[in-house]
Amino acid sequence: MNKTTVEGNLIAQPLKLADLAVYQTHSIVSREIIKKATGTVTVFAFDAGEGLSEHTAPFDALVYALEGRGEIMISETWHTVREGDMIIMPANRPHAVKATDRFKMLLVLVK
């Protein structure tokens, strides 16, 4: 019996996070892999030049770069993140994301 699900959150075998969201031309693709009352875990795939506009969130979030290169703005300061880098976006501080190249990231939101 295959125990792998993503939306149902039960993953009983190893998976490559970067494979869970596939690039699409001129788009942002996201796939939520855990959704609980205590937070969420989501994989994003950004085509080059795509991004998320400035916004705030009431919870801390951790971004881990899976592939490519992106720019993360936190409180008006831009930070470059590349594969293997991580950055924490503190709660209630404005932030944005822009893919410099094709870019995949893992977003862990902690409530």
PDB file of N, CA and C in Angstrom:
ATOM      1  N   MET A   1       0.848  -1.181   0.000  1.00  0.00           N
ATOM      2  CA  MET A   1       0.000   0.000   0.000  1.00  0.00           C
ATOM      3  C   MET A   1       0.893   1.244   0.000  1.00  0.00           C
ATOM      4  N   ASN A   2       0.642   2.162  -0.902  1.00  0.00           N
ATOM      5  CA  ASN A   2       1.414   3.390  -0.998  1.00  0.00           C
ATOM      6  C   ASN A   2       0.922   4.383   0.053  1.00  0.00           C
ATOM      7  N   LYS A   3       1.800   4.810   0.928  1.00  0.00           N
ATOM      8  CA  LYS A   3       1.429   5.721   2.008  1.00  0.00           C
ATOM      9  C   LYS A   3       1.703   7.184   1.660  1.00  0.00           C
ATOM     10  N   THR A   4       2.172   7.462   0.457  1.00  0.00           N
ATOM     11  CA  THR A   4       2.523   8.827   0.108  1.00  0.00           C
ATOM     12  C   THR A   4       1.293   9.638  -0.241  1.00  0.00           C
ATOM     13  N   THR A   5       1.114  10.743   0.449  1.00  0.00           N
ATOM     14  CA  THR A   5       0.159  11.770   0.059  1.00  0.00           C
ATOM     15  C   THR A   5       0.856  13.089   0.315  1.00  0.00           C
ATOM     16  N   VAL A   6       0.369  14.135  -0.244  1.00  0.00           N
ATOM     17  CA  VAL A   6       0.906  15.451   0.065  1.00  0.00           C
ATOM     18  C   VAL A   6      -0.193  16.262   0.719  1.00  0.00           C
ATOM     19  N   GLU A   7      -1.302  16.412   0.053  1.00  0.00           N
ATOM     20  CA  GLU A   7      -2.401  17.184   0.622  1.00  0.00           C
ATOM     21  C   GLU A   7      -2.897  16.566   1.919  1.00  0.00           C
ATOM     22  N   GLY A   8      -2.866  15.239   2.023  1.00  0.00           N
ATOM     23  CA  GLY A   8      -3.280  14.548   3.241  1.00  0.00           C
ATOM     24  C   GLY A   8      -2.200  14.506   4.305  1.00  0.00           C
ATOM     25  N   ASN A   9      -1.008  15.006   3.969  1.00  0.00           N
ATOM     26  CA  ASN A   9       0.116  15.188   4.882  1.00  0.00           C
ATOM     27  C   ASN A   9       0.856  13.925   5.293  1.00  0.00           C
ATOM     28  N   LEU A  10       0.396  12.730   4.950  1.00  0.00           N
ATOM     29  CA  LEU A  10       1.109  11.511   5.323  1.00  0.00           C
ATOM     30  C   LEU A  10       2.097  11.170   4.222  1.00  0.00           C
ATOM     31  N   ILE A  11       3.368  11.243   4.512  1.00  0.00           N
ATOM     32  CA  ILE A  11       4.402  10.913   3.540  1.00  0.00           C
ATOM     33  C   ILE A  11       5.305   9.880   4.195  1.00  0.00           C
ATOM     34  N   ALA A  12       5.155   8.640   3.784  1.00  0.00           N
ATOM     35  CA  ALA A  12       5.867   7.548   4.429  1.00  0.00           C
ATOM     36  C   ALA A  12       7.045   7.059   3.593  1.00  0.00           C
ATOM     37  N   GLN A  13       7.578   7.935   2.756  1.00  0.00           N
ATOM     38  CA  GLN A  13       8.756   7.581   1.971  1.00  0.00           C
ATOM     39  C   GLN A  13       9.510   8.852   1.624  1.00  0.00           C
ATOM     40  N   PRO A  14      10.814   8.733   1.326  1.00  0.00           N
ATOM     41  CA  PRO A  14      11.591   9.928   0.984  1.00  0.00           C
ATOM     42  C   PRO A  14      11.112  10.547  -0.330  1.00  0.00           C
ATOM     43  N   LEU A  15      11.085  11.863  -0.358  1.00  0.00           N
ATOM     44  CA  LEU A  15      10.723  12.614  -1.549  1.00  0.00           C
ATOM     45  C   LEU A  15      11.705  13.766  -1.716  1.00  0.00           C
ATOM     46  N   LYS A  16      11.899  14.219  -2.919  1.00  0.00           N
ATOM     47  CA  LYS A  16      12.696  15.411  -3.175  1.00  0.00           C
ATOM     48  C   LYS A  16      11.755  16.614  -3.156  1.00  0.00           C
ATOM     49  N   LEU A  17      11.999  17.536  -2.216  1.00  0.00           N
ATOM     50  CA  LEU A  17      11.125  18.702  -2.083  1.00  0.00           C
ATOM     51  C   LEU A  17      11.012  19.479  -3.387  1.00  0.00           C
ATOM     52  N   ALA A  18      12.127  19.658  -4.076  1.00  0.00           N
ATOM     53  CA  ALA A  18      12.117  20.448  -5.309  1.00  0.00           C
ATOM     54  C   ALA A  18      11.228  19.832  -6.383  1.00  0.00           C
ATOM     55  N   ASP A  19      10.974  18.535  -6.313  1.00  0.00           N
ATOM     56  CA  ASP A  19      10.125  17.873  -7.306  1.00  0.00           C
ATOM     57  C   ASP A  19       8.631  18.071  -7.045  1.00  0.00           C
ATOM     58  N   LEU A  20       8.271  18.619  -5.894  1.00  0.00           N
ATOM     59  CA  LEU A  20       6.859  18.743  -5.536  1.00  0.00           C
ATOM     60  C   LEU A  20       6.166  19.941  -6.184  1.00  0.00           C
ATOM     61  N   ALA A  21       6.938  20.878  -6.727  1.00  0.00           N
ATOM     62  CA  ALA A  21       6.365  22.007  -7.478  1.00  0.00           C
ATOM     63  C   ALA A  21       7.160  22.136  -8.766  1.00  0.00           C
ATOM     64  N   VAL A  22       6.472  22.147  -9.890  1.00  0.00           N
ATOM     65  CA  VAL A  22       7.100  22.158 -11.211  1.00  0.00           C
ATOM     66  C   VAL A  22       6.986  23.552 -11.824  1.00  0.00           C
ATOM     67  N   TYR A  23       8.069  24.024 -12.420  1.00  0.00           N
ATOM     68  CA  TYR A  23       8.052  25.337 -13.067  1.00  0.00           C
ATOM     69  C   TYR A  23       7.009  25.387 -14.183  1.00  0.00           C
ATOM     70  N   GLN A  24       6.348  26.541 -14.295  1.00  0.00           N
ATOM     71  CA  GLN A  24       5.465  26.828 -15.418  1.00  0.00           C
ATOM     72  C   GLN A  24       5.817  28.212 -15.935  1.00  0.00           C
ATOM     73  N   THR A  25       5.853  28.368 -17.237  1.00  0.00           N
ATOM     74  CA  THR A  25       6.241  29.626 -17.872  1.00  0.00           C
ATOM     75  C   THR A  25       5.372  30.780 -17.381  1.00  0.00           C
ATOM     76  N   HIS A  26       6.037  31.882 -16.996  1.00  0.00           N
ATOM     77  CA  HIS A  26       5.374  33.120 -16.547  1.00  0.00           C
ATOM     78  C   HIS A  26       4.440  32.891 -15.362  1.00  0.00           C
ATOM     79  N   SER A  27       4.782  31.944 -14.493  1.00  0.00           N
ATOM     80  CA  SER A  27       3.871  31.598 -13.392  1.00  0.00           C
ATOM     81  C   SER A  27       4.615  31.335 -12.095  1.00  0.00           C
ATOM     82  N   ILE A  28       3.824  31.276 -11.043  1.00  0.00           N
ATOM     83  CA  ILE A  28       4.267  30.810  -9.730  1.00  0.00           C
ATOM     84  C   ILE A  28       3.411  29.598  -9.405  1.00  0.00           C
ATOM     85  N   VAL A  29       4.053  28.502  -9.065  1.00  0.00           N
ATOM     86  CA  VAL A  29       3.346  27.281  -8.692  1.00  0.00           C
ATOM     87  C   VAL A  29       3.633  27.021  -7.218  1.00  0.00           C
ATOM     88  N   SER A  30       2.593  26.709  -6.449  1.00  0.00           N
ATOM     89  CA  SER A  30       2.809  26.370  -5.043  1.00  0.00           C
ATOM     90  C   SER A  30       2.108  25.054  -4.732  1.00  0.00           C
ATOM     91  N   ARG A  31       2.700  24.348  -3.803  1.00  0.00           N
ATOM     92  CA  ARG A  31       2.102  23.081  -3.359  1.00  0.00           C
ATOM     93  C   ARG A  31       2.264  22.977  -1.851  1.00  0.00           C
ATOM     94  N   GLU A  32       1.147  23.017  -1.164  1.00  0.00           N
ATOM     95  CA  GLU A  32       1.154  22.904   0.291  1.00  0.00           C
ATOM     96  C   GLU A  32       1.355  21.437   0.653  1.00  0.00           C
ATOM     97  N   ILE A  33       2.358  21.171   1.492  1.00  0.00           N
ATOM     98  CA  ILE A  33       2.621  19.777   1.849  1.00  0.00           C
ATOM     99  C   ILE A  33       2.246  19.457   3.289  1.00  0.00           C
ATOM    100  N   ILE A  34       2.128  20.478   4.120  1.00  0.00           N
ATOM    101  CA  ILE A  34       1.600  20.300   5.482  1.00  0.00           C
ATOM    102  C   ILE A  34       0.730  21.498   5.796  1.00  0.00           C
ATOM    103  N   LYS A  35      -0.455  21.224   6.326  1.00  0.00           N
ATOM    104  CA  LYS A  35      -1.346  22.284   6.779  1.00  0.00           C
ATOM    105  C   LYS A  35      -1.924  21.852   8.119  1.00  0.00           C
ATOM    106  N   LYS A  36      -1.481  22.534   9.154  1.00  0.00           N
ATOM    107  CA  LYS A  36      -1.924  22.234  10.520  1.00  0.00           C
ATOM    108  C   LYS A  36      -2.292  23.542  11.214  1.00  0.00           C
ATOM    109  N   ALA A  37      -2.961  23.458  12.326  1.00  0.00           N
ATOM    110  CA  ALA A  37      -3.309  24.648  13.104  1.00  0.00           C
ATOM    111  C   ALA A  37      -2.057  25.398  13.562  1.00  0.00           C
ATOM    112  N   THR A  38      -0.947  24.692  13.690  1.00  0.00           N
ATOM    113  CA  THR A  38       0.294  25.286  14.180  1.00  0.00           C
ATOM    114  C   THR A  38       1.177  25.860  13.068  1.00  0.00           C
ATOM    115  N   GLY A  39       0.798  25.653  11.805  1.00  0.00           N
ATOM    116  CA  GLY A  39       1.572  26.222  10.713  1.00  0.00           C
ATOM    117  C   GLY A  39       1.427  25.442   9.422  1.00  0.00           C
ATOM    118  N   THR A  40       2.144  25.913   8.399  1.00  0.00           N
ATOM    119  CA  THR A  40       2.097  25.274   7.091  1.00  0.00           C
ATOM    120  C   THR A  40       3.507  25.120   6.528  1.00  0.00           C
ATOM    121  N   VAL A  41       3.638  24.169   5.595  1.00  0.00           N
ATOM    122  CA  VAL A  41       4.867  23.968   4.846  1.00  0.00           C
ATOM    123  C   VAL A  41       4.456  23.923   3.377  1.00  0.00           C
ATOM    124  N   THR A  42       5.059  24.807   2.574  1.00  0.00           N
ATOM    125  CA  THR A  42       4.672  24.936   1.174  1.00  0.00           C
ATOM    126  C   THR A  42       5.926  25.022   0.309  1.00  0.00           C
ATOM    127  N   VAL A  43       5.897  24.343  -0.842  1.00  0.00           N
ATOM    128  CA  VAL A  43       6.961  24.448  -1.836  1.00  0.00           C
ATOM    129  C   VAL A  43       6.470  25.361  -2.947  1.00  0.00           C
ATOM    130  N   PHE A  44       7.315  26.312  -3.361  1.00  0.00           N
ATOM    131  CA  PHE A  44       7.010  27.243  -4.442  1.00  0.00           C
ATOM    132  C   PHE A  44       8.001  27.063  -5.576  1.00  0.00           C
ATOM    133  N   ALA A  45       7.531  27.215  -6.814  1.00  0.00           N
ATOM    134  CA  ALA A  45       8.385  27.268  -8.000  1.00  0.00           C
ATOM    135  C   ALA A  45       8.034  28.551  -8.749  1.00  0.00           C
ATOM    136  N   PHE A  46       9.008  29.460  -8.868  1.00  0.00           N
ATOM    137  CA  PHE A  46       8.814  30.744  -9.534  1.00  0.00           C
ATOM    138  C   PHE A  46       9.548  30.714 -10.871  1.00  0.00           C
ATOM    139  N   ASP A  47       8.875  31.074 -11.943  1.00  0.00           N
ATOM    140  CA  ASP A  47       9.589  31.272 -13.193  1.00  0.00           C
ATOM    141  C   ASP A  47      10.417  32.554 -13.041  1.00  0.00           C
ATOM    142  N   ALA A  48      11.487  32.680 -13.808  1.00  0.00           N
ATOM    143  CA  ALA A  48      12.354  33.863 -13.726  1.00  0.00           C
ATOM    144  C   ALA A  48      11.528  35.135 -13.897  1.00  0.00           C
ATOM    145  N   GLY A  49      11.762  36.102 -13.020  1.00  0.00           N
ATOM    146  CA  GLY A  49      11.065  37.376 -13.087  1.00  0.00           C
ATOM    147  C   GLY A  49       9.742  37.429 -12.341  1.00  0.00           C
ATOM    148  N   GLU A  50       9.238  36.290 -11.919  1.00  0.00           N
ATOM    149  CA  GLU A  50       7.969  36.258 -11.178  1.00  0.00           C
ATOM    150  C   GLU A  50       8.222  36.520  -9.697  1.00  0.00           C
ATOM    151  N   GLY A  51       7.187  36.911  -8.964  1.00  0.00           N
ATOM    152  CA  GLY A  51       7.371  37.157  -7.546  1.00  0.00           C
ATOM    153  C   GLY A  51       6.068  37.374  -6.803  1.00  0.00           C
ATOM    154  N   LEU A  52       6.211  37.553  -5.512  1.00  0.00           N
ATOM    155  CA  LEU A  52       5.088  37.859  -4.625  1.00  0.00           C
ATOM    156  C   LEU A  52       5.261  39.299  -4.165  1.00  0.00           C
ATOM    157  N   SER A  53       4.236  40.117  -4.317  1.00  0.00           N
ATOM    158  CA  SER A  53       4.336  41.524  -3.947  1.00  0.00           C
ATOM    159  C   SER A  53       4.462  41.685  -2.433  1.00  0.00           C
ATOM    160  N   GLU A  54       4.858  42.878  -2.042  1.00  0.00           N
ATOM    161  CA  GLU A  54       5.068  43.168  -0.622  1.00  0.00           C
ATOM    162  C   GLU A  54       3.794  42.933   0.173  1.00  0.00           C
ATOM    163  N   HIS A  55       3.955  42.251   1.307  1.00  0.00           N
ATOM    164  CA  HIS A  55       2.834  41.963   2.201  1.00  0.00           C
ATOM    165  C   HIS A  55       3.406  41.683   3.591  1.00  0.00           C
ATOM    166  N   THR A  56       2.527  41.530   4.565  1.00  0.00           N
ATOM    167  CA  THR A  56       2.944  41.135   5.915  1.00  0.00           C
ATOM    168  C   THR A  56       2.180  39.887   6.311  1.00  0.00           C
ATOM    169  N   ALA A  57       2.715  39.192   7.286  1.00  0.00           N
ATOM    170  CA  ALA A  57       2.055  38.012   7.840  1.00  0.00           C
ATOM    171  C   ALA A  57       2.175  38.089   9.361  1.00  0.00           C
ATOM    172  N   PRO A  58       1.180  37.600  10.082  1.00  0.00           N
ATOM    173  CA  PRO A  58       1.208  37.697  11.543  1.00  0.00           C
ATOM    174  C   PRO A  58       2.078  36.643  12.217  1.00  0.00           C
ATOM    175  N   PHE A  59       2.815  35.844  11.419  1.00  0.00           N
ATOM    176  CA  PHE A  59       3.618  34.759  11.983  1.00  0.00           C
ATOM    177  C   PHE A  59       5.026  34.770  11.382  1.00  0.00           C
ATOM    178  N   ASP A  60       5.983  34.231  12.124  1.00  0.00           N
ATOM    179  CA  ASP A  60       7.336  34.058  11.589  1.00  0.00           C
ATOM    180  C   ASP A  60       7.307  33.024  10.476  1.00  0.00           C
ATOM    181  N   ALA A  61       8.200  33.203   9.500  1.00  0.00           N
ATOM    182  CA  ALA A  61       8.312  32.242   8.402  1.00  0.00           C
ATOM    183  C   ALA A  61       9.780  32.019   8.077  1.00  0.00           C
ATOM    184  N   LEU A  62      10.095  30.795   7.716  1.00  0.00           N
ATOM    185  CA  LEU A  62      11.436  30.431   7.293  1.00  0.00           C
ATOM    186  C   LEU A  62      11.380  30.091   5.809  1.00  0.00           C
ATOM    187  N   VAL A  63      12.296  30.650   5.030  1.00  0.00           N
ATOM    188  CA  VAL A  63      12.421  30.321   3.613  1.00  0.00           C
ATOM    189  C   VAL A  63      13.732  29.571   3.430  1.00  0.00           C
ATOM    190  N   TYR A  64      13.654  28.427   2.749  1.00  0.00           N
ATOM    191  CA  TYR A  64      14.841  27.650   2.397  1.00  0.00           C
ATOM    192  C   TYR A  64      14.882  27.545   0.878  1.00  0.00           C
ATOM    193  N   ALA A  65      15.961  28.026   0.254  1.00  0.00           N
ATOM    194  CA  ALA A  65      16.096  28.001  -1.198  1.00  0.00           C
ATOM    195  C   ALA A  65      16.464  26.595  -1.663  1.00  0.00           C
ATOM    196  N   LEU A  66      15.634  26.028  -2.520  1.00  0.00           N
ATOM    197  CA  LEU A  66      15.839  24.671  -3.022  1.00  0.00           C
ATOM    198  C   LEU A  66      16.608  24.640  -4.340  1.00  0.00           C
ATOM    199  N   GLU A  67      16.340  25.619  -5.211  1.00  0.00           N
ATOM    200  CA  GLU A  67      16.977  25.702  -6.532  1.00  0.00           C
ATOM    201  C   GLU A  67      17.026  27.156  -6.966  1.00  0.00           C
ATOM    202  N   GLY A  68      18.000  27.478  -7.782  1.00  0.00           N
ATOM    203  CA  GLY A  68      18.050  28.781  -8.421  1.00  0.00           C
ATOM    204  C   GLY A  68      18.437  29.906  -7.484  1.00  0.00           C
ATOM    205  N   ARG A  69      17.978  31.101  -7.849  1.00  0.00           N
ATOM    206  CA  ARG A  69      18.323  32.296  -7.082  1.00  0.00           C
ATOM    207  C   ARG A  69      17.120  33.217  -7.019  1.00  0.00           C
ATOM    208  N   GLY A  70      16.893  33.769  -5.831  1.00  0.00           N
ATOM    209  CA  GLY A  70      15.794  34.701  -5.643  1.00  0.00           C
ATOM    210  C   GLY A  70      16.218  35.858  -4.766  1.00  0.00           C
ATOM    211  N   GLU A  71      15.375  36.854  -4.727  1.00  0.00           N
ATOM    212  CA  GLU A  71      15.577  38.016  -3.870  1.00  0.00           C
ATOM    213  C   GLU A  71      14.424  38.057  -2.879  1.00  0.00           C
ATOM    214  N   ILE A  72      14.766  38.194  -1.603  1.00  0.00           N
ATOM    215  CA  ILE A  72      13.765  38.296  -0.541  1.00  0.00           C
ATOM    216  C   ILE A  72      13.909  39.677   0.091  1.00  0.00           C
ATOM    217  N   MET A  73      12.834  40.448   0.084  1.00  0.00           N
ATOM    218  CA  MET A  73      12.849  41.757   0.718  1.00  0.00           C
ATOM    219  C   MET A  73      12.193  41.632   2.086  1.00  0.00           C
ATOM    220  N   ILE A  74      12.877  42.133   3.086  1.00  0.00           N
ATOM    221  CA  ILE A  74      12.334  42.194   4.444  1.00  0.00           C
ATOM    222  C   ILE A  74      12.549  43.612   4.948  1.00  0.00           C
ATOM    223  N   SER A  75      11.482  44.291   5.284  1.00  0.00           N
ATOM    224  CA  SER A  75      11.556  45.663   5.789  1.00  0.00           C
ATOM    225  C   SER A  75      12.428  46.549   4.908  1.00  0.00           C
ATOM    226  N   GLU A  76      12.157  46.541   3.621  1.00  0.00           N
ATOM    227  CA  GLU A  76      12.800  47.396   2.617  1.00  0.00           C
ATOM    228  C   GLU A  76      14.251  47.030   2.301  1.00  0.00           C
ATOM    229  N   THR A  77      14.782  45.946   2.857  1.00  0.00           N
ATOM    230  CA  THR A  77      16.139  45.494   2.546  1.00  0.00           C
ATOM    231  C   THR A  77      16.059  44.205   1.747  1.00  0.00           C
ATOM    232  N   TRP A  78      16.726  44.172   0.568  1.00  0.00           N
ATOM    233  CA  TRP A  78      16.720  42.996  -0.295  1.00  0.00           C
ATOM    234  C   TRP A  78      17.892  42.090   0.036  1.00  0.00           C
ATOM    235  N   HIS A  79      17.632  40.783   0.055  1.00  0.00           N
ATOM    236  CA  HIS A  79      18.638  39.757   0.349  1.00  0.00           C
ATOM    237  C   HIS A  79      18.619  38.730  -0.781  1.00  0.00           C
ATOM    238  N   THR A  80      19.786  38.376  -1.290  1.00  0.00           N
ATOM    239  CA  THR A  80      19.884  37.337  -2.309  1.00  0.00           C
ATOM    240  C   THR A  80      19.967  35.983  -1.626  1.00  0.00           C
ATOM    241  N   VAL A  81      19.149  35.028  -2.075  1.00  0.00           N
ATOM    242  CA  VAL A  81      19.212  33.654  -1.567  1.00  0.00           C
ATOM    243  C   VAL A  81      19.434  32.714  -2.749  1.00  0.00           C
ATOM    244  N   ARG A  82      20.314  31.749  -2.527  1.00  0.00           N
ATOM    245  CA  ARG A  82      20.646  30.751  -3.535  1.00  0.00           C
ATOM    246  C   ARG A  82      20.425  29.368  -2.942  1.00  0.00           C
ATOM    247  N   GLU A  83      20.424  28.377  -3.804  1.00  0.00           N
ATOM    248  CA  GLU A  83      20.241  26.992  -3.367  1.00  0.00           C
ATOM    249  C   GLU A  83      21.052  26.707  -2.106  1.00  0.00           C
ATOM    250  N   GLY A  84      20.365  26.207  -1.084  1.00  0.00           N
ATOM    251  CA  GLY A  84      21.001  25.872   0.190  1.00  0.00           C
ATOM    252  C   GLY A  84      20.942  26.972   1.227  1.00  0.00           C
ATOM    253  N   ASP A  85      20.571  28.202   0.832  1.00  0.00           N
ATOM    254  CA  ASP A  85      20.462  29.316   1.782  1.00  0.00           C
ATOM    255  C   ASP A  85      19.102  29.300   2.458  1.00  0.00           C
ATOM    256  N   MET A  86      19.044  29.909   3.638  1.00  0.00           N
ATOM    257  CA  MET A  86      17.766  30.106   4.324  1.00  0.00           C
ATOM    258  C   MET A  86      17.740  31.508   4.895  1.00  0.00           C
ATOM    259  N   ILE A  87      16.527  31.993   5.097  1.00  0.00           N
ATOM    260  CA  ILE A  87      16.340  33.305   5.714  1.00  0.00           C
ATOM    261  C   ILE A  87      15.036  33.263   6.501  1.00  0.00           C
ATOM    262  N   ILE A  88      14.997  33.974   7.598  1.00  0.00           N
ATOM    263  CA  ILE A  88      13.778  34.048   8.413  1.00  0.00           C
ATOM    264  C   ILE A  88      13.110  35.390   8.169  1.00  0.00           C
ATOM    265  N   MET A  89      11.821  35.338   7.904  1.00  0.00           N
ATOM    266  CA  MET A  89      11.016  36.546   7.737  1.00  0.00           C
ATOM    267  C   MET A  89      10.212  36.730   9.028  1.00  0.00           C
ATOM    268  N   PRO A  90      10.581  37.714   9.834  1.00  0.00           N
ATOM    269  CA  PRO A  90       9.882  37.904  11.115  1.00  0.00           C
ATOM    270  C   PRO A  90       8.421  38.320  10.925  1.00  0.00           C
ATOM    271  N   ALA A  91       7.605  37.946  11.880  1.00  0.00           N
ATOM    272  CA  ALA A  91       6.186  38.304  11.869  1.00  0.00           C
ATOM    273  C   ALA A  91       6.011  39.815  11.796  1.00  0.00           C
ATOM    274  N   ASN A  92       4.962  40.231  11.115  1.00  0.00           N
ATOM    275  CA  ASN A  92       4.518  41.626  11.060  1.00  0.00           C
ATOM    276  C   ASN A  92       5.520  42.586  10.420  1.00  0.00           C
ATOM    277  N   ARG A  93       6.482  42.058   9.649  1.00  0.00           N
ATOM    278  CA  ARG A  93       7.417  42.914   8.918  1.00  0.00           C
ATOM    279  C   ARG A  93       7.157  42.725   7.425  1.00  0.00           C
ATOM    280  N   PRO A  94       7.061  43.806   6.671  1.00  0.00           N
ATOM    281  CA  PRO A  94       6.777  43.663   5.246  1.00  0.00           C
ATOM    282  C   PRO A  94       7.867  42.866   4.537  1.00  0.00           C
ATOM    283  N   HIS A  95       7.424  42.001   3.621  1.00  0.00           N
ATOM    284  CA  HIS A  95       8.376  41.190   2.866  1.00  0.00           C
ATOM    285  C   HIS A  95       7.808  40.916   1.470  1.00  0.00           C
ATOM    286  N   ALA A  96       8.709  40.555   0.557  1.00  0.00           N
ATOM    287  CA  ALA A  96       8.337  40.242  -0.821  1.00  0.00           C
ATOM    288  C   ALA A  96       9.354  39.246  -1.357  1.00  0.00           C
ATOM    289  N   VAL A  97       8.997  38.590  -2.464  1.00  0.00           N
ATOM    290  CA  VAL A  97       9.884  37.604  -3.100  1.00  0.00           C
ATOM    291  C   VAL A  97       9.921  37.902  -4.592  1.00  0.00           C
ATOM    292  N   LYS A  98      11.126  37.838  -5.182  1.00  0.00           N
ATOM    293  CA  LYS A  98      11.269  37.968  -6.633  1.00  0.00           C
ATOM    294  C   LYS A  98      12.299  36.952  -7.098  1.00  0.00           C
ATOM    295  N   ALA A  99      11.948  36.209  -8.146  1.00  0.00           N
ATOM    296  CA  ALA A  99      12.852  35.209  -8.710  1.00  0.00           C
ATOM    297  C   ALA A  99      13.795  35.887  -9.695  1.00  0.00           C
ATOM    298  N   THR A 100      15.074  35.891  -9.383  1.00  0.00           N
ATOM    299  CA  THR A 100      16.083  36.430 -10.287  1.00  0.00           C
ATOM    300  C   THR A 100      16.243  35.494 -11.475  1.00  0.00           C
ATOM    301  N   ASP A 101      16.323  34.204 -11.180  1.00  0.00           N
ATOM    302  CA  ASP A 101      16.343  33.123 -12.154  1.00  0.00           C
ATOM    303  C   ASP A 101      15.133  32.257 -11.798  1.00  0.00           C
ATOM    304  N   ARG A 102      14.958  31.146 -12.485  1.00  0.00           N
ATOM    305  CA  ARG A 102      13.961  30.194 -11.991  1.00  0.00           C
ATOM    306  C   ARG A 102      14.361  29.851 -10.564  1.00  0.00           C
ATOM    307  N   PHE A 103      13.379  29.779  -9.668  1.00  0.00           N
ATOM    308  CA  PHE A 103      13.677  29.704  -8.242  1.00  0.00           C
ATOM    309  C   PHE A 103      12.639  28.834  -7.552  1.00  0.00           C
ATOM    310  N   LYS A 104      13.123  27.886  -6.756  1.00  0.00           N
ATOM    311  CA  LYS A 104      12.240  27.077  -5.918  1.00  0.00           C
ATOM    312  C   LYS A 104      12.604  27.303  -4.466  1.00  0.00           C
ATOM    313  N   MET A 105      11.573  27.376  -3.626  1.00  0.00           N
ATOM    314  CA  MET A 105      11.810  27.580  -2.199  1.00  0.00           C
ATOM    315  C   MET A 105      10.800  26.805  -1.383  1.00  0.00           C
ATOM    316  N   LEU A 106      11.225  26.486  -0.181  1.00  0.00           N
ATOM    317  CA  LEU A 106      10.359  25.883   0.826  1.00  0.00           C
ATOM    318  C   LEU A 106      10.010  26.980   1.808  1.00  0.00           C
ATOM    319  N   LEU A 107       8.727  27.158   2.082  1.00  0.00           N
ATOM    320  CA  LEU A 107       8.263  28.151   3.048  1.00  0.00           C
ATOM    321  C   LEU A 107       7.649  27.427   4.226  1.00  0.00           C
ATOM    322  N   VAL A 108       8.200  27.672   5.412  1.00  0.00           N
ATOM    323  CA  VAL A 108       7.676  27.092   6.644  1.00  0.00           C
ATOM    324  C   VAL A 108       7.109  28.235   7.474  1.00  0.00           C
ATOM    325  N   LEU A 109       5.797  28.246   7.627  1.00  0.00           N
ATOM    326  CA  LEU A 109       5.108  29.283   8.390  1.00  0.00           C
ATOM    327  C   LEU A 109       4.744  28.707   9.751  1.00  0.00           C
ATOM    328  N   VAL A 110       5.217  29.363  10.811  1.00  0.00           N
ATOM    329  CA  VAL A 110       5.007  28.878  12.175  1.00  0.00           C
ATOM    330  C   VAL A 110       4.026  29.804  12.878  1.00  0.00           C
ATOM    331  N   LYS A 111       2.893  29.232  13.306  1.00  0.00           N
ATOM    332  CA  LYS A 111       1.883  30.045  14.003  1.00  0.00           C
ATOM    333  C   LYS A 111       2.130  30.030  15.495  1.00  0.00           C
TER     334      LYS A 111
END
